[in-house]
Amino acid sequence: QVQLVESGGGLVQPGGSLRLSCVASGSISGIVIMGWYRQAPGKQRELVAHITSGTITNYADSVKGRFTISKDNAKNTLYLQMNELKPEDTAVYYCKSVVGLRASWGQGTQVTVSS
């Protein structure tokens, strides 16, 4: 089992930046992919970005060129650098890891983009 703890959310003005972090613990040696998802009120949870163990990345079209996913294996930490934030980026952001067929989720961190 993998435990995930996100941090870094908050309130930011449009055009601003935030960096989210997700610290993984537990059975992390078998993680093959990690990602960030988000869920806005009244909407389904959607993929924001993911990164494989081989550092191949994939982004939702809505965040390409603005968000960057990365990881620090030495710190067991996944990051999401979010630039040029828009009001439509407002959501709860969740970290996810996959080991084999088992997925683990963090508790989420709120990101609010508003003036």
N, C-alpha and C. Protein backbone atom coordinates (compact mmCIF):
# COMPACT_ATOMS: atom_id res chain seq x y z
N GLN A 1 0.84 -1.20 0.00
CA GLN A 1 0.00 0.00 0.00
C GLN A 1 0.87 1.24 0.00
N VAL A 2 0.43 2.22 -0.77
CA VAL A 2 1.15 3.49 -0.86
C VAL A 2 0.30 4.57 -0.20
N GLN A 3 0.93 5.39 0.61
CA GLN A 3 0.27 6.54 1.21
C GLN A 3 0.77 7.81 0.53
N LEU A 4 -0.16 8.70 0.24
CA LEU A 4 0.16 9.93 -0.48
C LEU A 4 -0.37 11.13 0.30
N VAL A 5 0.46 12.15 0.44
CA VAL A 5 0.04 13.36 1.15
C VAL A 5 0.39 14.57 0.29
N GLU A 6 -0.66 15.30 -0.12
CA GLU A 6 -0.46 16.49 -0.94
C GLU A 6 -0.35 17.74 -0.08
N SER A 7 0.29 18.75 -0.64
CA SER A 7 0.37 20.06 -0.01
C SER A 7 0.64 21.10 -1.07
N GLY A 8 0.50 22.37 -0.70
CA GLY A 8 0.86 23.46 -1.61
C GLY A 8 -0.30 24.20 -2.22
N GLY A 9 -1.52 23.75 -1.95
CA GLY A 9 -2.67 24.46 -2.50
C GLY A 9 -2.89 25.79 -1.80
N GLY A 10 -3.83 26.55 -2.34
CA GLY A 10 -4.13 27.84 -1.73
C GLY A 10 -4.91 28.74 -2.67
N LEU A 11 -4.99 30.00 -2.29
CA LEU A 11 -5.69 31.02 -3.07
C LEU A 11 -4.65 31.83 -3.84
N VAL A 12 -4.87 31.98 -5.13
CA VAL A 12 -3.93 32.74 -5.97
C VAL A 12 -4.72 33.54 -6.99
N GLN A 13 -4.19 34.68 -7.38
CA GLN A 13 -4.84 35.51 -8.38
C GLN A 13 -4.63 34.95 -9.78
N PRO A 14 -5.52 35.24 -10.69
CA PRO A 14 -5.31 34.82 -12.08
C PRO A 14 -3.96 35.30 -12.59
N GLY A 15 -3.27 34.40 -13.30
CA GLY A 15 -1.93 34.70 -13.79
C GLY A 15 -0.83 34.31 -12.83
N GLY A 16 -1.20 33.94 -11.63
CA GLY A 16 -0.21 33.57 -10.62
C GLY A 16 0.26 32.13 -10.75
N SER A 17 1.09 31.73 -9.79
CA SER A 17 1.70 30.39 -9.81
C SER A 17 1.56 29.72 -8.45
N LEU A 18 1.54 28.40 -8.48
CA LEU A 18 1.59 27.57 -7.29
C LEU A 18 2.36 26.31 -7.61
N ARG A 19 2.98 25.73 -6.59
CA ARG A 19 3.61 24.43 -6.76
C ARG A 19 3.03 23.45 -5.76
N LEU A 20 2.45 22.39 -6.28
CA LEU A 20 1.90 21.33 -5.44
C LEU A 20 2.96 20.25 -5.23
N SER A 21 2.91 19.65 -4.05
CA SER A 21 3.81 18.54 -3.72
C SER A 21 3.00 17.35 -3.25
N CYS A 22 3.52 16.17 -3.50
CA CYS A 22 2.88 14.93 -3.06
C CYS A 22 3.99 13.99 -2.57
N VAL A 23 3.98 13.73 -1.27
CA VAL A 23 5.00 12.85 -0.70
C VAL A 23 4.42 11.45 -0.60
N ALA A 24 5.16 10.49 -1.13
CA ALA A 24 4.73 9.10 -1.12
C ALA A 24 5.50 8.31 -0.06
N SER A 25 4.80 7.39 0.58
CA SER A 25 5.44 6.51 1.55
C SER A 25 4.79 5.13 1.46
N GLY A 26 5.42 4.15 2.08
CA GLY A 26 4.90 2.80 2.02
C GLY A 26 5.60 2.00 0.93
N SER A 27 4.83 1.19 0.22
CA SER A 27 5.40 0.29 -0.81
C SER A 27 5.60 1.04 -2.13
N ILE A 28 6.56 1.96 -2.14
CA ILE A 28 6.73 2.84 -3.29
C ILE A 28 7.64 2.28 -4.36
N SER A 29 8.35 1.20 -4.07
CA SER A 29 9.32 0.70 -5.04
C SER A 29 8.65 0.19 -6.30
N GLY A 30 7.39 -0.20 -6.22
CA GLY A 30 6.71 -0.74 -7.38
C GLY A 30 5.87 0.25 -8.16
N ILE A 31 5.98 1.52 -7.82
CA ILE A 31 5.17 2.53 -8.50
C ILE A 31 5.60 2.64 -9.97
N VAL A 32 4.63 2.51 -10.87
CA VAL A 32 4.95 2.59 -12.30
C VAL A 32 4.50 3.91 -12.91
N ILE A 33 3.55 4.57 -12.25
CA ILE A 33 3.10 5.84 -12.77
C ILE A 33 2.51 6.66 -11.63
N MET A 34 2.73 7.96 -11.67
CA MET A 34 2.12 8.86 -10.71
C MET A 34 1.51 10.02 -11.48
N GLY A 35 0.47 10.59 -10.90
CA GLY A 35 -0.20 11.66 -11.62
C GLY A 35 -0.95 12.60 -10.72
N TRP A 36 -1.36 13.69 -11.31
CA TRP A 36 -2.21 14.69 -10.67
C TRP A 36 -3.55 14.71 -11.39
N TYR A 37 -4.60 14.70 -10.58
CA TYR A 37 -5.97 14.81 -11.07
C TYR A 37 -6.61 15.99 -10.37
N ARG A 38 -7.71 16.47 -10.91
CA ARG A 38 -8.44 17.54 -10.23
C ARG A 38 -9.92 17.34 -10.40
N GLN A 39 -10.65 17.89 -9.43
CA GLN A 39 -12.11 17.80 -9.48
C GLN A 39 -12.69 19.13 -9.04
N ALA A 40 -13.40 19.76 -9.96
CA ALA A 40 -14.08 21.00 -9.66
C ALA A 40 -15.50 20.69 -9.18
N PRO A 41 -16.13 21.60 -8.47
CA PRO A 41 -17.50 21.35 -7.97
C PRO A 41 -18.45 21.02 -9.10
N GLY A 42 -19.19 19.93 -8.95
CA GLY A 42 -20.17 19.53 -9.94
C GLY A 42 -19.60 18.87 -11.18
N LYS A 43 -18.30 18.62 -11.18
CA LYS A 43 -17.66 18.01 -12.35
C LYS A 43 -16.97 16.71 -11.96
N GLN A 44 -16.69 15.91 -12.98
CA GLN A 44 -15.98 14.67 -12.75
C GLN A 44 -14.49 14.93 -12.53
N ARG A 45 -13.85 14.01 -11.81
CA ARG A 45 -12.41 14.10 -11.63
C ARG A 45 -11.74 13.88 -12.99
N GLU A 46 -10.74 14.69 -13.29
CA GLU A 46 -10.07 14.61 -14.58
C GLU A 46 -8.55 14.57 -14.41
N LEU A 47 -7.90 13.96 -15.38
CA LEU A 47 -6.44 13.90 -15.38
C LEU A 47 -5.88 15.28 -15.70
N VAL A 48 -4.88 15.70 -14.94
CA VAL A 48 -4.14 16.92 -15.22
C VAL A 48 -2.82 16.57 -15.91
N ALA A 49 -2.07 15.66 -15.30
CA ALA A 49 -0.78 15.24 -15.86
C ALA A 49 -0.34 13.97 -15.17
N HIS A 50 0.45 13.17 -15.88
CA HIS A 50 1.06 12.02 -15.23
C HIS A 50 2.48 11.82 -15.73
N ILE A 51 3.23 11.06 -14.95
CA ILE A 51 4.62 10.79 -15.26
C ILE A 51 4.90 9.34 -14.93
N THR A 52 5.58 8.65 -15.84
CA THR A 52 5.89 7.25 -15.63
C THR A 52 7.20 7.10 -14.85
N SER A 53 7.50 5.87 -14.48
CA SER A 53 8.76 5.61 -13.79
C SER A 53 9.94 5.93 -14.69
N GLY A 54 9.71 5.91 -16.00
CA GLY A 54 10.75 6.28 -16.96
C GLY A 54 10.72 7.74 -17.33
N THR A 55 9.98 8.53 -16.58
CA THR A 55 9.86 10.00 -16.73
C THR A 55 9.20 10.43 -18.02
N ILE A 56 8.38 9.59 -18.61
CA ILE A 56 7.55 10.02 -19.74
C ILE A 56 6.36 10.77 -19.16
N THR A 57 6.07 11.94 -19.71
CA THR A 57 5.00 12.78 -19.18
C THR A 57 3.85 12.91 -20.18
N ASN A 58 2.69 13.21 -19.63
CA ASN A 58 1.51 13.44 -20.45
C ASN A 58 0.67 14.49 -19.75
N TYR A 59 0.08 15.42 -20.53
CA TYR A 59 -0.68 16.52 -19.96
C TYR A 59 -2.06 16.63 -20.62
N ALA A 60 -3.00 17.09 -19.84
CA ALA A 60 -4.29 17.46 -20.42
C ALA A 60 -4.08 18.68 -21.32
N ASP A 61 -4.85 18.75 -22.40
CA ASP A 61 -4.69 19.87 -23.34
C ASP A 61 -4.87 21.21 -22.64
N SER A 62 -5.73 21.26 -21.65
CA SER A 62 -6.06 22.52 -20.99
C SER A 62 -4.91 23.09 -20.16
N VAL A 63 -3.90 22.27 -19.86
CA VAL A 63 -2.80 22.76 -19.03
C VAL A 63 -1.46 22.73 -19.74
N LYS A 64 -1.42 22.21 -20.95
CA LYS A 64 -0.15 22.14 -21.69
C LYS A 64 0.46 23.52 -21.83
N GLY A 65 1.76 23.59 -21.57
CA GLY A 65 2.47 24.86 -21.69
C GLY A 65 2.38 25.72 -20.44
N ARG A 66 1.52 25.36 -19.49
CA ARG A 66 1.37 26.13 -18.25
C ARG A 66 1.79 25.32 -17.02
N PHE A 67 1.53 24.03 -17.03
CA PHE A 67 1.82 23.17 -15.89
C PHE A 67 2.99 22.24 -16.24
N THR A 68 3.78 21.90 -15.22
CA THR A 68 4.89 20.97 -15.40
C THR A 68 4.88 19.95 -14.26
N ILE A 69 4.86 18.68 -14.61
CA ILE A 69 4.93 17.62 -13.61
C ILE A 69 6.36 17.12 -13.53
N SER A 70 6.80 16.83 -12.31
CA SER A 70 8.16 16.33 -12.12
C SER A 70 8.19 15.52 -10.84
N LYS A 71 9.30 14.81 -10.64
CA LYS A 71 9.42 14.02 -9.42
C LYS A 71 10.86 14.02 -8.95
N ASP A 72 11.02 13.88 -7.65
CA ASP A 72 12.33 13.76 -7.03
C ASP A 72 12.34 12.40 -6.34
N ASN A 73 13.00 11.43 -6.96
CA ASN A 73 12.98 10.07 -6.41
C ASN A 73 13.67 10.00 -5.05
N ALA A 74 14.68 10.81 -4.85
CA ALA A 74 15.40 10.79 -3.58
C ALA A 74 14.51 11.25 -2.42
N LYS A 75 13.54 12.11 -2.74
CA LYS A 75 12.63 12.62 -1.72
C LYS A 75 11.26 11.96 -1.77
N ASN A 76 11.10 11.00 -2.68
CA ASN A 76 9.80 10.32 -2.85
C ASN A 76 8.67 11.33 -3.03
N THR A 77 8.94 12.35 -3.81
CA THR A 77 8.00 13.46 -3.94
C THR A 77 7.68 13.75 -5.40
N LEU A 78 6.40 13.95 -5.64
CA LEU A 78 5.89 14.35 -6.95
C LEU A 78 5.50 15.81 -6.86
N TYR A 79 5.77 16.56 -7.93
CA TYR A 79 5.46 17.99 -7.96
C TYR A 79 4.56 18.33 -9.14
N LEU A 80 3.84 19.42 -8.99
CA LEU A 80 3.11 20.01 -10.10
C LEU A 80 3.32 21.51 -10.03
N GLN A 81 4.12 22.03 -10.94
CA GLN A 81 4.33 23.47 -11.04
C GLN A 81 3.24 24.04 -11.93
N MET A 82 2.48 24.96 -11.38
CA MET A 82 1.34 25.53 -12.12
C MET A 82 1.58 27.02 -12.32
N ASN A 83 1.71 27.42 -13.57
CA ASN A 83 1.92 28.83 -13.92
C ASN A 83 0.72 29.34 -14.72
N GLU A 84 0.64 30.64 -14.83
CA GLU A 84 -0.44 31.29 -15.60
C GLU A 84 -1.80 30.72 -15.22
N LEU A 85 -2.05 30.64 -13.95
CA LEU A 85 -3.29 30.04 -13.47
C LEU A 85 -4.51 30.84 -13.89
N LYS A 86 -5.58 30.11 -14.16
CA LYS A 86 -6.84 30.68 -14.61
C LYS A 86 -7.95 30.31 -13.62
N PRO A 87 -9.01 31.08 -13.58
CA PRO A 87 -10.14 30.71 -12.69
C PRO A 87 -10.64 29.30 -12.93
N GLU A 88 -10.60 28.85 -14.17
CA GLU A 88 -11.07 27.49 -14.47
C GLU A 88 -10.15 26.39 -13.96
N ASP A 89 -9.00 26.76 -13.43
CA ASP A 89 -8.11 25.78 -12.79
C ASP A 89 -8.53 25.51 -11.35
N THR A 90 -9.50 26.26 -10.84
CA THR A 90 -9.97 26.07 -9.48
C THR A 90 -10.56 24.67 -9.30
N ALA A 91 -10.03 23.94 -8.33
CA ALA A 91 -10.46 22.56 -8.09
C ALA A 91 -9.72 22.01 -6.89
N VAL A 92 -10.14 20.83 -6.47
CA VAL A 92 -9.34 20.05 -5.52
C VAL A 92 -8.40 19.19 -6.36
N TYR A 93 -7.12 19.26 -6.06
CA TYR A 93 -6.10 18.52 -6.80
C TYR A 93 -5.68 17.30 -5.99
N TYR A 94 -5.69 16.15 -6.67
CA TYR A 94 -5.38 14.88 -6.03
C TYR A 94 -4.14 14.26 -6.68
N CYS A 95 -3.35 13.62 -5.85
CA CYS A 95 -2.19 12.85 -6.30
C CYS A 95 -2.61 11.38 -6.38
N LYS A 96 -2.12 10.69 -7.40
CA LYS A 96 -2.45 9.28 -7.58
C LYS A 96 -1.19 8.51 -7.92
N SER A 97 -1.09 7.29 -7.38
CA SER A 97 0.01 6.40 -7.77
C SER A 97 -0.58 5.06 -8.18
N VAL A 98 0.13 4.36 -9.05
CA VAL A 98 -0.30 3.05 -9.52
C VAL A 98 0.82 2.05 -9.32
N VAL A 99 0.50 0.97 -8.61
CA VAL A 99 1.41 -0.15 -8.45
C VAL A 99 0.67 -1.37 -8.97
N GLY A 100 1.12 -1.92 -10.09
CA GLY A 100 0.40 -3.03 -10.71
C GLY A 100 -0.99 -2.57 -11.10
N LEU A 101 -2.01 -3.20 -10.55
CA LEU A 101 -3.39 -2.81 -10.84
C LEU A 101 -4.01 -2.01 -9.69
N ARG A 102 -3.19 -1.69 -8.69
CA ARG A 102 -3.71 -1.00 -7.51
C ARG A 102 -3.37 0.48 -7.57
N ALA A 103 -4.41 1.30 -7.39
CA ALA A 103 -4.22 2.75 -7.38
C ALA A 103 -4.42 3.27 -5.96
N SER A 104 -3.62 4.26 -5.61
CA SER A 104 -3.74 4.94 -4.32
C SER A 104 -3.94 6.42 -4.57
N TRP A 105 -4.73 7.06 -3.71
CA TRP A 105 -5.03 8.48 -3.84
C TRP A 105 -4.68 9.22 -2.56
N GLY A 106 -4.28 10.47 -2.73
CA GLY A 106 -4.11 11.34 -1.58
C GLY A 106 -5.45 11.95 -1.20
N GLN A 107 -5.40 12.79 -0.18
CA GLN A 107 -6.63 13.37 0.35
C GLN A 107 -7.06 14.62 -0.41
N GLY A 108 -6.16 15.16 -1.22
CA GLY A 108 -6.49 16.33 -2.03
C GLY A 108 -6.05 17.63 -1.39
N THR A 109 -5.79 18.62 -2.24
CA THR A 109 -5.46 19.96 -1.78
C THR A 109 -6.22 20.96 -2.65
N GLN A 110 -6.82 21.96 -2.01
CA GLN A 110 -7.66 22.91 -2.72
C GLN A 110 -6.82 23.99 -3.39
N VAL A 111 -7.12 24.24 -4.66
CA VAL A 111 -6.52 25.35 -5.40
C VAL A 111 -7.66 26.26 -5.85
N THR A 112 -7.58 27.52 -5.47
CA THR A 112 -8.59 28.49 -5.85
C THR A 112 -7.92 29.65 -6.56
N VAL A 113 -8.37 29.90 -7.79
CA VAL A 113 -7.83 31.00 -8.58
C VAL A 113 -8.91 32.06 -8.70
N SER A 114 -8.67 33.19 -8.06
CA SER A 114 -9.69 34.23 -8.01
C SER A 114 -9.05 35.57 -7.69
N SER A 115 -9.64 36.62 -8.23
CA SER A 115 -9.18 37.96 -7.90
C SER A 115 -9.99 38.54 -6.74
